[in-house]
């Protein structure tokens, strides 16, 4: 998550075989937990004509225990990492915000869930994302910190995943998901 002083998000994802393997690798780096594991329920919104997606932009409402957020992400800049503008603000009531946005003509076009646990090291936030399509570790921060940390996790730039969860979900389903098919848990992991 970026700050207003620096509204640029820089991140990569790395695939892991399990949450336990990801947790072990992260703890071995000396990272400190900053937020316990919790369910995040995200909804992506756009106008019916898809103008945000057409521009490569994302508008997301995230609902999670004790906090919700509205996030705008601009188009991705070229490079080995996902780099783009990110503007985010905390909101009090995610369902009400979604209703408000729908009254303005926006529609939820994709919903996805993940269990996220956050860690940090100086200059980098590490998250373990347990999703219905597998486990990912997301590294967000400064380029050098991400590169060094990925190497410490035994990974190279060939291992970087810069696709969105929607794109990864579509690929897991052999292409574009059917309308109304979301990436949500049938049986959430314990």
Protein backbone atom coordinates (compact mmCIF):
# COMPACT_ATOMS: atom_id res chain seq x y z
CA UNK A 1 0.00 0.00 0.00
CA UNK A 2 1.42 3.35 -1.01
CA UNK A 3 1.27 6.58 0.93
CA UNK A 4 0.12 9.97 -0.31
CA UNK A 5 3.74 11.14 -0.22
CA UNK A 6 4.65 8.33 -2.61
CA UNK A 7 1.55 7.12 -4.48
CA UNK A 8 3.57 4.58 -6.50
CA UNK A 9 3.14 0.88 -5.81
CA UNK A 10 6.01 -1.46 -6.70
CA UNK A 11 5.46 -5.17 -6.17
CA UNK A 12 5.95 -8.75 -7.28
CA UNK A 13 4.33 -12.02 -6.30
CA UNK A 14 6.16 -15.31 -5.81
CA UNK A 15 4.41 -18.69 -5.90
CA UNK A 16 4.85 -21.02 -2.93
CA UNK A 17 3.68 -24.60 -2.54
CA UNK A 18 1.92 -23.85 0.76
CA UNK A 19 1.30 -21.18 3.37
CA UNK A 20 3.53 -23.10 5.80
CA UNK A 21 6.43 -23.08 3.31
CA UNK A 22 5.92 -19.36 2.67
CA UNK A 23 5.76 -18.61 6.39
CA UNK A 24 8.94 -20.58 7.07
CA UNK A 25 10.83 -18.80 4.29
CA UNK A 26 9.67 -15.37 5.45
CA UNK A 27 10.46 -15.98 9.12
CA UNK A 28 13.95 -17.16 8.08
CA UNK A 29 14.60 -13.69 6.57
CA UNK A 30 14.06 -12.07 9.96
CA UNK A 31 10.84 -10.35 8.90
CA UNK A 32 8.54 -9.27 11.72
CA UNK A 33 4.80 -9.90 11.65
CA UNK A 34 2.82 -6.66 11.40
CA UNK A 35 -0.71 -8.03 10.87
CA UNK A 36 -2.13 -11.43 11.78
CA UNK A 37 -3.76 -13.65 9.18
CA UNK A 38 -7.21 -12.42 8.20
CA UNK A 39 -9.72 -12.78 5.38
CA UNK A 40 -9.76 -10.01 2.77
CA UNK A 41 -12.83 -9.80 0.56
CA UNK A 42 -12.11 -7.61 -2.47
CA UNK A 43 -14.47 -6.32 -5.14
CA UNK A 44 -13.39 -4.69 -8.38
CA UNK A 45 -15.70 -2.07 -9.84
CA UNK A 46 -16.04 -0.42 -13.24
CA UNK A 47 -18.64 1.30 -15.35
CA UNK A 48 -20.69 -1.00 -17.60
CA UNK A 49 -18.62 0.09 -20.63
CA UNK A 50 -15.42 -1.14 -18.92
CA UNK A 51 -13.59 2.18 -19.25
CA UNK A 52 -11.34 1.60 -16.23
CA UNK A 53 -10.22 -1.85 -17.39
CA UNK A 54 -9.76 -0.50 -20.92
CA UNK A 55 -7.29 2.05 -19.51
CA UNK A 56 -5.52 -0.64 -17.43
CA UNK A 57 -6.88 0.85 -14.19
CA UNK A 58 -8.49 -0.79 -11.16
CA UNK A 59 -10.99 0.48 -8.61
CA UNK A 60 -11.21 -1.84 -5.60
CA UNK A 61 -13.18 -1.97 -2.38
CA UNK A 62 -11.47 -4.17 0.21
CA UNK A 63 -13.40 -5.43 3.21
CA UNK A 64 -11.48 -7.02 6.09
CA UNK A 65 -11.95 -7.29 9.86
CA UNK A 66 -11.65 -3.90 11.49
CA UNK A 67 -10.86 -2.00 8.29
CA UNK A 68 -12.01 -1.35 4.77
CA UNK A 69 -10.36 0.57 1.96
CA UNK A 70 -11.10 2.15 -1.40
CA UNK A 71 -8.16 1.86 -3.80
CA UNK A 72 -7.51 3.24 -7.27
CA UNK A 73 -4.63 1.72 -9.25
CA UNK A 74 -3.41 3.32 -12.45
CA UNK A 75 -2.03 1.56 -15.52
CA UNK A 76 1.05 -0.63 -15.10
CA UNK A 77 4.37 0.85 -16.15
CA UNK A 78 6.71 -1.34 -18.23
CA UNK A 79 9.31 -3.36 -16.34
CA UNK A 80 10.11 -6.60 -14.52
CA UNK A 81 8.06 -5.50 -11.49
CA UNK A 82 4.51 -4.27 -11.30
CA UNK A 83 4.81 -0.49 -10.87
CA UNK A 84 1.82 1.84 -10.96
CA UNK A 85 0.09 4.69 -9.24
CA UNK A 86 -1.91 3.64 -6.19
CA UNK A 87 -4.26 5.90 -4.25
CA UNK A 88 -5.96 4.45 -1.20
CA UNK A 89 -8.11 5.64 1.65
CA UNK A 90 -9.66 3.92 4.65
CA UNK A 91 -13.45 3.71 4.72
CA UNK A 92 -15.78 2.88 7.58
CA UNK A 93 -18.33 0.69 5.80
CA UNK A 94 -17.40 -1.34 2.70
CA UNK A 95 -20.94 -2.58 1.86
CA UNK A 96 -22.29 0.97 2.09
CA UNK A 97 -19.46 2.28 -0.09
CA UNK A 98 -20.24 -0.36 -2.72
CA UNK A 99 -23.91 0.68 -2.68
CA UNK A 100 -22.89 4.32 -3.05
CA UNK A 101 -20.59 3.53 -6.00
CA UNK A 102 -23.36 1.47 -7.62
CA UNK A 103 -25.69 4.46 -7.29
CA UNK A 104 -23.09 6.42 -9.28
CA UNK A 105 -23.28 3.82 -12.07
CA UNK A 106 -20.32 1.57 -11.22
CA UNK A 107 -20.79 -2.21 -11.01
CA UNK A 108 -18.86 -4.97 -9.26
CA UNK A 109 -17.39 -7.07 -12.06
CA UNK A 110 -15.12 -9.39 -10.05
CA UNK A 111 -14.85 -10.52 -6.45
CA UNK A 112 -11.88 -12.32 -4.96
CA UNK A 113 -10.92 -13.52 -1.52
CA UNK A 114 -7.65 -14.33 0.17
CA UNK A 115 -6.31 -14.92 3.62
CA UNK A 116 -3.48 -12.44 4.12
CA UNK A 117 -0.79 -12.30 6.77
CA UNK A 118 1.64 -9.34 6.70
CA UNK A 119 5.29 -9.10 7.67
CA UNK A 120 7.86 -6.39 7.19
CA UNK A 121 11.54 -5.70 6.86
CA UNK A 122 13.06 -2.25 6.39
CA UNK A 123 11.74 -0.93 3.07
CA UNK A 124 9.64 -3.99 2.15
CA UNK A 125 6.25 -5.34 3.17
CA UNK A 126 5.83 -9.10 2.70
CA UNK A 127 2.45 -10.75 2.61
CA UNK A 128 1.38 -14.36 2.48
CA UNK A 129 -1.75 -14.63 0.36
CA UNK A 130 -3.66 -17.90 0.59
CA UNK A 131 -6.06 -17.84 -2.36
CA UNK A 132 -8.42 -20.35 -3.98
CA UNK A 133 -5.77 -20.73 -6.75
CA UNK A 134 -2.73 -21.21 -4.53
CA UNK A 135 -0.32 -19.47 -2.17
CA UNK A 136 1.61 -16.36 -3.13
CA UNK A 137 4.08 -14.17 -1.30
CA UNK A 138 3.79 -10.55 -2.32
CA UNK A 139 6.78 -8.22 -1.88
CA UNK A 140 6.05 -4.50 -1.99
CA UNK A 141 8.47 -1.62 -1.49
CA UNK A 142 11.61 -0.22 -3.06
CA UNK A 143 13.08 -2.02 -6.07
CA UNK A 144 16.41 -2.91 -4.44
CA UNK A 145 14.69 -4.23 -1.31
CA UNK A 146 12.34 -6.40 -3.38
CA UNK A 147 15.18 -7.76 -5.51
CA UNK A 148 17.36 -8.52 -2.48
CA UNK A 149 14.51 -10.13 -0.56
CA UNK A 150 13.42 -12.25 -3.53
CA UNK A 151 17.01 -13.49 -3.79
CA UNK A 152 17.05 -14.25 -0.05
CA UNK A 153 13.91 -16.33 -0.65
CA UNK A 154 15.82 -18.26 -3.34
CA UNK A 155 14.04 -16.60 -6.26
CA UNK A 156 15.20 -14.80 -9.40
CA UNK A 157 13.45 -12.35 -11.73
CA UNK A 158 12.25 -15.37 -13.77
CA UNK A 159 10.09 -16.29 -10.75
CA UNK A 160 8.41 -12.87 -10.49
CA UNK A 161 4.65 -12.92 -11.00
CA UNK A 162 3.28 -9.50 -11.93
CA UNK A 163 -0.21 -10.54 -12.99
CA UNK A 164 -3.29 -9.52 -11.04
CA UNK A 165 -5.32 -12.09 -9.14
CA UNK A 166 -8.02 -11.74 -11.81
CA UNK A 167 -5.52 -12.62 -14.56
CA UNK A 168 -4.12 -15.53 -12.53
CA UNK A 169 -7.65 -16.78 -11.82
CA UNK A 170 -8.59 -16.54 -15.50
CA UNK A 171 -5.44 -18.48 -16.46
CA UNK A 172 -6.24 -21.14 -13.84
CA UNK A 173 -9.66 -21.53 -15.47
CA UNK A 174 -8.17 -21.86 -18.95
CA UNK A 175 -9.04 -18.35 -20.09
CA UNK A 176 -11.52 -15.69 -19.13
CA UNK A 177 -13.86 -16.77 -16.30
CA UNK A 178 -17.55 -16.97 -17.05
CA UNK A 179 -19.54 -13.87 -16.12
CA UNK A 180 -20.43 -13.97 -12.45
CA UNK A 181 -17.67 -16.47 -11.56
CA UNK A 182 -15.60 -15.10 -8.72
CA UNK A 183 -12.43 -16.26 -6.96
CA UNK A 184 -13.94 -17.08 -3.58
CA UNK A 185 -13.43 -19.95 -1.18
CA UNK A 186 -15.82 -22.92 -1.28
CA UNK A 187 -14.08 -24.31 1.80
CA UNK A 188 -11.77 -21.71 3.39
CA UNK A 189 -8.43 -23.01 4.65
CA UNK A 190 -8.15 -23.30 8.41
